[in-house]
Every structure is written in structure tokens, then in C-alpha cells.
Amino acid sequence: MTGRNCQEVEYRIARLRERLAGDEVAELGVRIELRGDSVLLTGALPTAGRRNEILRLAREELTGLVVRTDLTTPSADAPDHVEQLP
């Protein structure tokens, strides 16, 4: 990625961060990192719906870029089976 392209991508990432922090979503638990030629989103979100909203905003702001995600939605439900340890 050239210097000019890198600056453009950093600007687009900053816009996404601003949108995530804004009133529409108010989600501060998502990390956004430029990793080589792709953008990585990581974090834990309260619901699958919130995850879908974050992905929608990322598609809007980062169109044309490779976006990788590791956004989880932890569950507070009790396990439904016994964990088998070796």
C-alpha cells in the first residue's frame, strides 16, 4: 500500500471510529486496525444485532477494502453440555 493510499485508508478508519462512537451506535468496544492490505475489526459486542450494525457501517466506510472481523457476542447462558477435558 502506498503512502497516499495508506493515508486514505487511515482517514476512512477514523471516520468509522467516529461513527461507532456517535449517538447512532455508541459502541466503543470495537478495535479497528490496519494490518497490511486489510482492516481488522475485533471486540466483544452485546448482541448479534449490534454485530450486524457494526458490519453494515464497516461495509459503508471501508468499501473496496479487505475487512476481516473477529467480533464476538459472548453469551451469559448456562452451558447446555458437560465440557470434556483430556
PDB file of N, CA and C in Angstrom:
ATOM      1  N   MET A   1       0.859  -1.172   0.000  1.00  0.00           N
ATOM      2  CA  MET A   1       0.000   0.000   0.000  1.00  0.00           C
ATOM      3  C   MET A   1       0.900   1.228   0.000  1.00  0.00           C
ATOM      4  N   THR A   2       0.634   2.164  -0.904  1.00  0.00           N
ATOM      5  CA  THR A   2       1.445   3.367  -0.996  1.00  0.00           C
ATOM      6  C   THR A   2       1.100   4.328   0.132  1.00  0.00           C
ATOM      7  N   GLY A   3       1.963   5.322   0.324  1.00  0.00           N
ATOM      8  CA  GLY A   3       1.737   6.295   1.387  1.00  0.00           C
ATOM      9  C   GLY A   3       0.415   7.019   1.251  1.00  0.00           C
ATOM     10  N   ARG A   4       0.075   7.412   0.023  1.00  0.00           N
ATOM     11  CA  ARG A   4      -1.183   8.123  -0.207  1.00  0.00           C
ATOM     12  C   ARG A   4      -2.376   7.213   0.076  1.00  0.00           C
ATOM     13  N   ASN A   5      -2.307   5.976  -0.408  1.00  0.00           N
ATOM     14  CA  ASN A   5      -3.388   5.024  -0.145  1.00  0.00           C
ATOM     15  C   ASN A   5      -3.521   4.752   1.346  1.00  0.00           C
ATOM     16  N   CYS A   6      -2.393   4.631   2.028  1.00  0.00           N
ATOM     17  CA  CYS A   6      -2.405   4.375   3.467  1.00  0.00           C
ATOM     18  C   CYS A   6      -3.083   5.531   4.209  1.00  0.00           C
ATOM     19  N   GLN A   7      -2.785   6.762   3.797  1.00  0.00           N
ATOM     20  CA  GLN A   7      -3.423   7.919   4.426  1.00  0.00           C
ATOM     21  C   GLN A   7      -4.930   7.900   4.199  1.00  0.00           C
ATOM     22  N   GLU A   8      -5.353   7.544   2.987  1.00  0.00           N
ATOM     23  CA  GLU A   8      -6.786   7.483   2.689  1.00  0.00           C
ATOM     24  C   GLU A   8      -7.470   6.423   3.546  1.00  0.00           C
ATOM     25  N   VAL A   9      -6.830   5.262   3.680  1.00  0.00           N
ATOM     26  CA  VAL A   9      -7.396   4.179   4.486  1.00  0.00           C
ATOM     27  C   VAL A   9      -7.465   4.602   5.950  1.00  0.00           C
ATOM     28  N   GLU A  10      -6.423   5.236   6.457  1.00  0.00           N
ATOM     29  CA  GLU A  10      -6.428   5.708   7.850  1.00  0.00           C
ATOM     30  C   GLU A  10      -7.557   6.723   8.071  1.00  0.00           C
ATOM     31  N   TYR A  11      -7.789   7.583   7.086  1.00  0.00           N
ATOM     32  CA  TYR A  11      -8.885   8.549   7.185  1.00  0.00           C
ATOM     33  C   TYR A  11     -10.229   7.822   7.244  1.00  0.00           C
ATOM     34  N   ARG A  12     -10.416   6.820   6.402  1.00  0.00           N
ATOM     35  CA  ARG A  12     -11.666   6.064   6.388  1.00  0.00           C
ATOM     36  C   ARG A  12     -11.866   5.297   7.691  1.00  0.00           C
ATOM     37  N   ILE A  13     -10.778   4.764   8.242  1.00  0.00           N
ATOM     38  CA  ILE A  13     -10.846   4.080   9.543  1.00  0.00           C
ATOM     39  C   ILE A  13     -11.252   5.071  10.629  1.00  0.00           C
ATOM     40  N   ALA A  14     -10.684   6.265  10.597  1.00  0.00           N
ATOM     41  CA  ALA A  14     -11.029   7.293  11.587  1.00  0.00           C
ATOM     42  C   ALA A  14     -12.509   7.663  11.485  1.00  0.00           C
ATOM     43  N   ARG A  15     -13.033   7.765  10.266  1.00  0.00           N
ATOM     44  CA  ARG A  15     -14.463   8.061  10.090  1.00  0.00           C
ATOM     45  C   ARG A  15     -15.318   6.942  10.673  1.00  0.00           C
ATOM     46  N   LEU A  16     -14.910   5.689  10.468  1.00  0.00           N
ATOM     47  CA  LEU A  16     -15.653   4.567  11.034  1.00  0.00           C
ATOM     48  C   LEU A  16     -15.619   4.625  12.555  1.00  0.00           C
ATOM     49  N   ARG A  17     -14.457   4.918  13.131  1.00  0.00           N
ATOM     50  CA  ARG A  17     -14.357   5.043  14.599  1.00  0.00           C
ATOM     51  C   ARG A  17     -15.310   6.115  15.118  1.00  0.00           C
ATOM     52  N   GLU A  18     -15.364   7.247  14.411  1.00  0.00           N
ATOM     53  CA  GLU A  18     -16.259   8.333  14.821  1.00  0.00           C
ATOM     54  C   GLU A  18     -17.718   7.896  14.762  1.00  0.00           C
ATOM     55  N   ARG A  19     -18.078   7.169  13.705  1.00  0.00           N
ATOM     56  CA  ARG A  19     -19.459   6.703  13.578  1.00  0.00           C
ATOM     57  C   ARG A  19     -19.798   5.700  14.677  1.00  0.00           C
ATOM     58  N   LEU A  20     -18.851   4.832  15.024  1.00  0.00           N
ATOM     59  CA  LEU A  20     -19.100   3.848  16.073  1.00  0.00           C
ATOM     60  C   LEU A  20     -19.248   4.517  17.434  1.00  0.00           C
ATOM     61  N   ALA A  21     -18.524   5.602  17.645  1.00  0.00           N
ATOM     62  CA  ALA A  21     -18.585   6.307  18.931  1.00  0.00           C
ATOM     63  C   ALA A  21     -19.778   7.251  19.013  1.00  0.00           C
ATOM     64  N   GLY A  22     -20.404   7.548  17.894  1.00  0.00           N
ATOM     65  CA  GLY A  22     -21.505   8.510  17.852  1.00  0.00           C
ATOM     66  C   GLY A  22     -22.794   7.977  18.441  1.00  0.00           C
ATOM     67  N   ASP A  23     -23.786   8.834  18.445  1.00  0.00           N
ATOM     68  CA  ASP A  23     -25.084   8.516  19.034  1.00  0.00           C
ATOM     69  C   ASP A  23     -25.786   7.346  18.370  1.00  0.00           C
ATOM     70  N   GLU A  24     -25.588   7.178  17.063  1.00  0.00           N
ATOM     71  CA  GLU A  24     -26.287   6.121  16.330  1.00  0.00           C
ATOM     72  C   GLU A  24     -25.972   4.738  16.895  1.00  0.00           C
ATOM     73  N   VAL A  25     -24.702   4.501  17.217  1.00  0.00           N
ATOM     74  CA  VAL A  25     -24.278   3.174  17.674  1.00  0.00           C
ATOM     75  C   VAL A  25     -23.736   3.199  19.095  1.00  0.00           C
ATOM     76  N   ALA A  26     -22.912   4.188  19.427  1.00  0.00           N
ATOM     77  CA  ALA A  26     -22.291   4.335  20.743  1.00  0.00           C
ATOM     78  C   ALA A  26     -21.583   3.048  21.186  1.00  0.00           C
ATOM     79  N   GLU A  27     -20.753   2.530  20.308  1.00  0.00           N
ATOM     80  CA  GLU A  27     -20.019   1.296  20.600  1.00  0.00           C
ATOM     81  C   GLU A  27     -18.528   1.602  20.636  1.00  0.00           C
ATOM     82  N   LEU A  28     -17.953   1.578  21.843  1.00  0.00           N
ATOM     83  CA  LEU A  28     -16.536   1.892  21.998  1.00  0.00           C
ATOM     84  C   LEU A  28     -15.670   0.651  22.152  1.00  0.00           C
ATOM     85  N   GLY A  29     -16.269  -0.523  22.183  1.00  0.00           N
ATOM     86  CA  GLY A  29     -15.521  -1.751  22.425  1.00  0.00           C
ATOM     87  C   GLY A  29     -14.984  -2.435  21.184  1.00  0.00           C
ATOM     88  N   VAL A  30     -15.000  -1.746  20.037  1.00  0.00           N
ATOM     89  CA  VAL A  30     -14.509  -2.341  18.803  1.00  0.00           C
ATOM     90  C   VAL A  30     -13.152  -1.716  18.455  1.00  0.00           C
ATOM     91  N   ARG A  31     -12.166  -2.568  18.256  1.00  0.00           N
ATOM     92  CA  ARG A  31     -10.844  -2.105  17.811  1.00  0.00           C
ATOM     93  C   ARG A  31     -10.784  -2.230  16.304  1.00  0.00           C
ATOM     94  N   ILE A  32     -10.212  -1.223  15.660  1.00  0.00           N
ATOM     95  CA  ILE A  32     -10.064  -1.217  14.209  1.00  0.00           C
ATOM     96  C   ILE A  32      -8.593  -0.986  13.904  1.00  0.00           C
ATOM     97  N   GLU A  33      -7.973  -1.946  13.222  1.00  0.00           N
ATOM     98  CA  GLU A  33      -6.542  -1.862  12.939  1.00  0.00           C
ATOM     99  C   GLU A  33      -6.272  -2.110  11.466  1.00  0.00           C
ATOM    100  N   LEU A  34      -5.347  -1.348  10.920  1.00  0.00           N
ATOM    101  CA  LEU A  34      -4.864  -1.593   9.571  1.00  0.00           C
ATOM    102  C   LEU A  34      -3.758  -2.630   9.677  1.00  0.00           C
ATOM    103  N   ARG A  35      -3.944  -3.744   8.993  1.00  0.00           N
ATOM    104  CA  ARG A  35      -2.963  -4.836   9.029  1.00  0.00           C
ATOM    105  C   ARG A  35      -2.571  -5.172   7.595  1.00  0.00           C
ATOM    106  N   GLY A  36      -1.462  -4.616   7.145  1.00  0.00           N
ATOM    107  CA  GLY A  36      -1.034  -4.834   5.767  1.00  0.00           C
ATOM    108  C   GLY A  36      -2.039  -4.220   4.815  1.00  0.00           C
ATOM    109  N   ASP A  37      -2.617  -5.049   3.951  1.00  0.00           N
ATOM    110  CA  ASP A  37      -3.594  -4.578   2.979  1.00  0.00           C
ATOM    111  C   ASP A  37      -5.035  -4.817   3.416  1.00  0.00           C
ATOM    112  N   SER A  38      -5.246  -5.136   4.684  1.00  0.00           N
ATOM    113  CA  SER A  38      -6.608  -5.378   5.156  1.00  0.00           C
ATOM    114  C   SER A  38      -6.853  -4.618   6.456  1.00  0.00           C
ATOM    115  N   VAL A  39      -8.119  -4.542   6.816  1.00  0.00           N
ATOM    116  CA  VAL A  39      -8.534  -3.883   8.051  1.00  0.00           C
ATOM    117  C   VAL A  39      -9.146  -4.953   8.947  1.00  0.00           C
ATOM    118  N   LEU A  40      -8.731  -4.978  10.209  1.00  0.00           N
ATOM    119  CA  LEU A  40      -9.215  -5.968  11.167  1.00  0.00           C
ATOM    120  C   LEU A  40     -10.080  -5.286  12.215  1.00  0.00           C
ATOM    121  N   LEU A  41     -11.291  -5.823  12.413  1.00  0.00           N
ATOM    122  CA  LEU A  41     -12.195  -5.360  13.463  1.00  0.00           C
ATOM    123  C   LEU A  41     -12.273  -6.448  14.520  1.00  0.00           C
ATOM    124  N   THR A  42     -12.014  -6.094  15.777  1.00  0.00           N
ATOM    125  CA  THR A  42     -12.080  -7.048  16.872  1.00  0.00           C
ATOM    126  C   THR A  42     -12.867  -6.445  18.030  1.00  0.00           C
ATOM    127  N   GLY A  43     -13.442  -7.325  18.846  1.00  0.00           N
ATOM    128  CA  GLY A  43     -14.129  -6.860  20.035  1.00  0.00           C
ATOM    129  C   GLY A  43     -15.282  -7.767  20.408  1.00  0.00           C
ATOM    130  N   ALA A  44     -15.835  -7.516  21.584  1.00  0.00           N
ATOM    131  CA  ALA A  44     -16.990  -8.266  22.084  1.00  0.00           C
ATOM    132  C   ALA A  44     -18.182  -7.324  22.089  1.00  0.00           C
ATOM    133  N   LEU A  45     -19.290  -7.791  21.511  1.00  0.00           N
ATOM    134  CA  LEU A  45     -20.497  -6.986  21.398  1.00  0.00           C
ATOM    135  C   LEU A  45     -21.644  -7.652  22.153  1.00  0.00           C
ATOM    136  N   PRO A  46     -22.597  -6.871  22.639  1.00  0.00           N
ATOM    137  CA  PRO A  46     -23.658  -7.444  23.468  1.00  0.00           C
ATOM    138  C   PRO A  46     -24.644  -8.333  22.721  1.00  0.00           C
ATOM    139  N   THR A  47     -24.878  -8.061  21.435  1.00  0.00           N
ATOM    140  CA  THR A  47     -25.880  -8.836  20.694  1.00  0.00           C
ATOM    141  C   THR A  47     -25.436  -9.057  19.249  1.00  0.00           C
ATOM    142  N   ALA A  48     -26.049 -10.050  18.612  1.00  0.00           N
ATOM    143  CA  ALA A  48     -25.790 -10.302  17.196  1.00  0.00           C
ATOM    144  C   ALA A  48     -26.294  -9.127  16.348  1.00  0.00           C
ATOM    145  N   GLY A  49     -27.368  -8.502  16.773  1.00  0.00           N
ATOM    146  CA  GLY A  49     -27.892  -7.339  16.060  1.00  0.00           C
ATOM    147  C   GLY A  49     -26.899  -6.192  16.048  1.00  0.00           C
ATOM    148  N   ARG A  50     -26.249  -5.982  17.191  1.00  0.00           N
ATOM    149  CA  ARG A  50     -25.223  -4.932  17.266  1.00  0.00           C
ATOM    150  C   ARG A  50     -24.057  -5.277  16.344  1.00  0.00           C
ATOM    151  N   ARG A  51     -23.679  -6.555  16.321  1.00  0.00           N
ATOM    152  CA  ARG A  51     -22.596  -7.003  15.432  1.00  0.00           C
ATOM    153  C   ARG A  51     -22.962  -6.715  13.982  1.00  0.00           C
ATOM    154  N   ASN A  52     -24.189  -7.026  13.588  1.00  0.00           N
ATOM    155  CA  ASN A  52     -24.631  -6.776  12.220  1.00  0.00           C
ATOM    156  C   ASN A  52     -24.596  -5.288  11.881  1.00  0.00           C
ATOM    157  N   GLU A  53     -24.965  -4.440  12.827  1.00  0.00           N
ATOM    158  CA  GLU A  53     -24.931  -2.999  12.620  1.00  0.00           C
ATOM    159  C   GLU A  53     -23.491  -2.515  12.412  1.00  0.00           C
ATOM    160  N   ILE A  54     -22.561  -3.031  13.217  1.00  0.00           N
ATOM    161  CA  ILE A  54     -21.150  -2.661  13.077  1.00  0.00           C
ATOM    162  C   ILE A  54     -20.640  -3.086  11.700  1.00  0.00           C
ATOM    163  N   LEU A  55     -20.989  -4.285  11.269  1.00  0.00           N
ATOM    164  CA  LEU A  55     -20.557  -4.772   9.959  1.00  0.00           C
ATOM    165  C   LEU A  55     -21.143  -3.930   8.830  1.00  0.00           C
ATOM    166  N   ARG A  56     -22.386  -3.495   8.981  1.00  0.00           N
ATOM    167  CA  ARG A  56     -23.006  -2.635   7.963  1.00  0.00           C
ATOM    168  C   ARG A  56     -22.251  -1.320   7.839  1.00  0.00           C
ATOM    169  N   LEU A  57     -21.930  -0.706   8.970  1.00  0.00           N
ATOM    170  CA  LEU A  57     -21.189   0.557   8.949  1.00  0.00           C
ATOM    171  C   LEU A  57     -19.793   0.360   8.373  1.00  0.00           C
ATOM    172  N   ALA A  58     -19.159  -0.749   8.705  1.00  0.00           N
ATOM    173  CA  ALA A  58     -17.821  -1.025   8.173  1.00  0.00           C
ATOM    174  C   ALA A  58     -17.873  -1.179   6.656  1.00  0.00           C
ATOM    175  N   ARG A  59     -18.894  -1.864   6.145  1.00  0.00           N
ATOM    176  CA  ARG A  59     -19.031  -2.011   4.686  1.00  0.00           C
ATOM    177  C   ARG A  59     -19.211  -0.647   4.021  1.00  0.00           C
ATOM    178  N   GLU A  60     -19.985   0.235   4.648  1.00  0.00           N
ATOM    179  CA  GLU A  60     -20.199   1.573   4.090  1.00  0.00           C
ATOM    180  C   GLU A  60     -18.914   2.386   4.054  1.00  0.00           C
ATOM    181  N   GLU A  61     -18.189   2.398   5.138  1.00  0.00           N
ATOM    182  CA  GLU A  61     -16.989   3.237   5.245  1.00  0.00           C
ATOM    183  C   GLU A  61     -15.764   2.634   4.561  1.00  0.00           C
ATOM    184  N   LEU A  62     -15.682   1.324   4.508  1.00  0.00           N
ATOM    185  CA  LEU A  62     -14.460   0.668   4.021  1.00  0.00           C
ATOM    186  C   LEU A  62     -14.678  -0.067   2.701  1.00  0.00           C
ATOM    187  N   THR A  63     -15.646   0.382   1.915  1.00  0.00           N
ATOM    188  CA  THR A  63     -15.935  -0.233   0.623  1.00  0.00           C
ATOM    189  C   THR A  63     -14.658  -0.345  -0.206  1.00  0.00           C
ATOM    190  N   GLY A  64     -14.457  -1.520  -0.794  1.00  0.00           N
ATOM    191  CA  GLY A  64     -13.291  -1.746  -1.637  1.00  0.00           C
ATOM    192  C   GLY A  64     -12.074  -2.271  -0.901  1.00  0.00           C
ATOM    193  N   LEU A  65     -12.129  -2.285   0.418  1.00  0.00           N
ATOM    194  CA  LEU A  65     -11.014  -2.803   1.218  1.00  0.00           C
ATOM    195  C   LEU A  65     -11.346  -4.201   1.721  1.00  0.00           C
ATOM    196  N   VAL A  66     -10.308  -4.974   1.980  1.00  0.00           N
ATOM    197  CA  VAL A  66     -10.495  -6.283   2.596  1.00  0.00           C
ATOM    198  C   VAL A  66     -10.704  -6.043   4.088  1.00  0.00           C
ATOM    199  N   VAL A  67     -11.856  -6.471   4.591  1.00  0.00           N
ATOM    200  CA  VAL A  67     -12.176  -6.292   6.007  1.00  0.00           C
ATOM    201  C   VAL A  67     -12.301  -7.670   6.642  1.00  0.00           C
ATOM    202  N   ARG A  68     -11.523  -7.900   7.677  1.00  0.00           N
ATOM    203  CA  ARG A  68     -11.571  -9.146   8.439  1.00  0.00           C
ATOM    204  C   ARG A  68     -12.161  -8.821   9.807  1.00  0.00           C
ATOM    205  N   THR A  69     -12.950  -9.745  10.322  1.00  0.00           N
ATOM    206  CA  THR A  69     -13.594  -9.466  11.605  1.00  0.00           C
ATOM    207  C   THR A  69     -13.407 -10.611  12.590  1.00  0.00           C
ATOM    208  N   ASP A  70     -13.278 -10.231  13.832  1.00  0.00           N
ATOM    209  CA  ASP A  70     -13.298 -11.158  14.958  1.00  0.00           C
ATOM    210  C   ASP A  70     -14.156 -10.495  16.033  1.00  0.00           C
ATOM    211  N   LEU A  71     -15.425 -10.294  15.689  1.00  0.00           N
ATOM    212  CA  LEU A  71     -16.387  -9.664  16.595  1.00  0.00           C
ATOM    213  C   LEU A  71     -17.219 -10.763  17.230  1.00  0.00           C
ATOM    214  N   THR A  72     -17.130 -10.875  18.536  1.00  0.00           N
ATOM    215  CA  THR A  72     -17.839 -11.939  19.233  1.00  0.00           C
ATOM    216  C   THR A  72     -19.049 -11.390  19.977  1.00  0.00           C
ATOM    217  N   THR A  73     -19.971 -12.282  20.259  1.00  0.00           N
ATOM    218  CA  THR A  73     -21.143 -11.946  21.078  1.00  0.00           C
ATOM    219  C   THR A  73     -21.194 -12.966  22.211  1.00  0.00           C
ATOM    220  N   PRO A  74     -20.522 -12.659  23.329  1.00  0.00           N
ATOM    221  CA  PRO A  74     -20.495 -13.594  24.443  1.00  0.00           C
ATOM    222  C   PRO A  74     -21.900 -13.885  24.963  1.00  0.00           C
ATOM    223  N   SER A  75     -22.085 -15.095  25.410  1.00  0.00           N
ATOM    224  CA  SER A  75     -23.381 -15.498  25.936  1.00  0.00           C
ATOM    225  C   SER A  75     -23.285 -15.692  27.444  1.00  0.00           C
ATOM    226  N   ALA A  76     -24.313 -15.247  28.143  1.00  0.00           N
ATOM    227  CA  ALA A  76     -24.366 -15.437  29.598  1.00  0.00           C
ATOM    228  C   ALA A  76     -25.213 -16.650  29.950  1.00  0.00           C
ATOM    229  N   ASP A  77     -25.641 -17.393  28.932  1.00  0.00           N
ATOM    230  CA  ASP A  77     -26.460 -18.576  29.166  1.00  0.00           C
ATOM    231  C   ASP A  77     -25.627 -19.693  29.790  1.00  0.00           C
ATOM    232  N   ALA A  78     -26.283 -20.521  30.561  1.00  0.00           N
ATOM    233  CA  ALA A  78     -25.611 -21.677  31.150  1.00  0.00           C
ATOM    234  C   ALA A  78     -25.254 -22.665  30.041  1.00  0.00           C
ATOM    235  N   PRO A  79     -24.145 -23.387  30.180  1.00  0.00           N
ATOM    236  CA  PRO A  79     -23.775 -24.373  29.173  1.00  0.00           C
ATOM    237  C   PRO A  79     -24.866 -25.436  29.034  1.00  0.00           C
ATOM    238  N   ASP A  80     -25.006 -25.943  27.820  1.00  0.00           N
ATOM    239  CA  ASP A  80     -26.034 -26.965  27.579  1.00  0.00           C
ATOM    240  C   ASP A  80     -25.450 -28.380  27.544  1.00  0.00           C
ATOM    241  N   HIS A  81     -24.121 -28.483  27.818  1.00  0.00           N
ATOM    242  CA  HIS A  81     -23.485 -29.808  27.855  1.00  0.00           C
ATOM    243  C   HIS A  81     -22.266 -29.750  28.769  1.00  0.00           C
ATOM    244  N   VAL A  82     -21.796 -30.908  29.162  1.00  0.00           N
ATOM    245  CA  VAL A  82     -20.615 -31.004  30.033  1.00  0.00           C
ATOM    246  C   VAL A  82     -19.371 -30.908  29.158  1.00  0.00           C
ATOM    247  N   GLU A  83     -18.412 -30.088  29.594  1.00  0.00           N
ATOM    248  CA  GLU A  83     -17.161 -29.966  28.864  1.00  0.00           C
ATOM    249  C   GLU A  83     -16.297 -31.186  29.126  1.00  0.00           C
ATOM    250  N   GLN A  84     -15.811 -31.819  28.078  1.00  0.00           N
ATOM    251  CA  GLN A  84     -14.949 -32.993  28.199  1.00  0.00           C
ATOM    252  C   GLN A  84     -13.490 -32.562  28.109  1.00  0.00           C
ATOM    253  N   LEU A  85     -12.749 -32.770  29.178  1.00  0.00           N
ATOM    254  CA  LEU A  85     -11.322 -32.415  29.202  1.00  0.00           C
ATOM    255  C   LEU A  85     -10.484 -33.660  28.975  1.00  0.00           C
ATOM    256  N   PRO A  86      -9.348 -33.516  28.289  1.00  0.00           N
ATOM    257  CA  PRO A  86      -8.488 -34.696  28.019  1.00  0.00           C
ATOM    258  C   PRO A  86      -7.832 -35.233  29.276  1.00  0.00           C
TER     259      PRO A  86
END
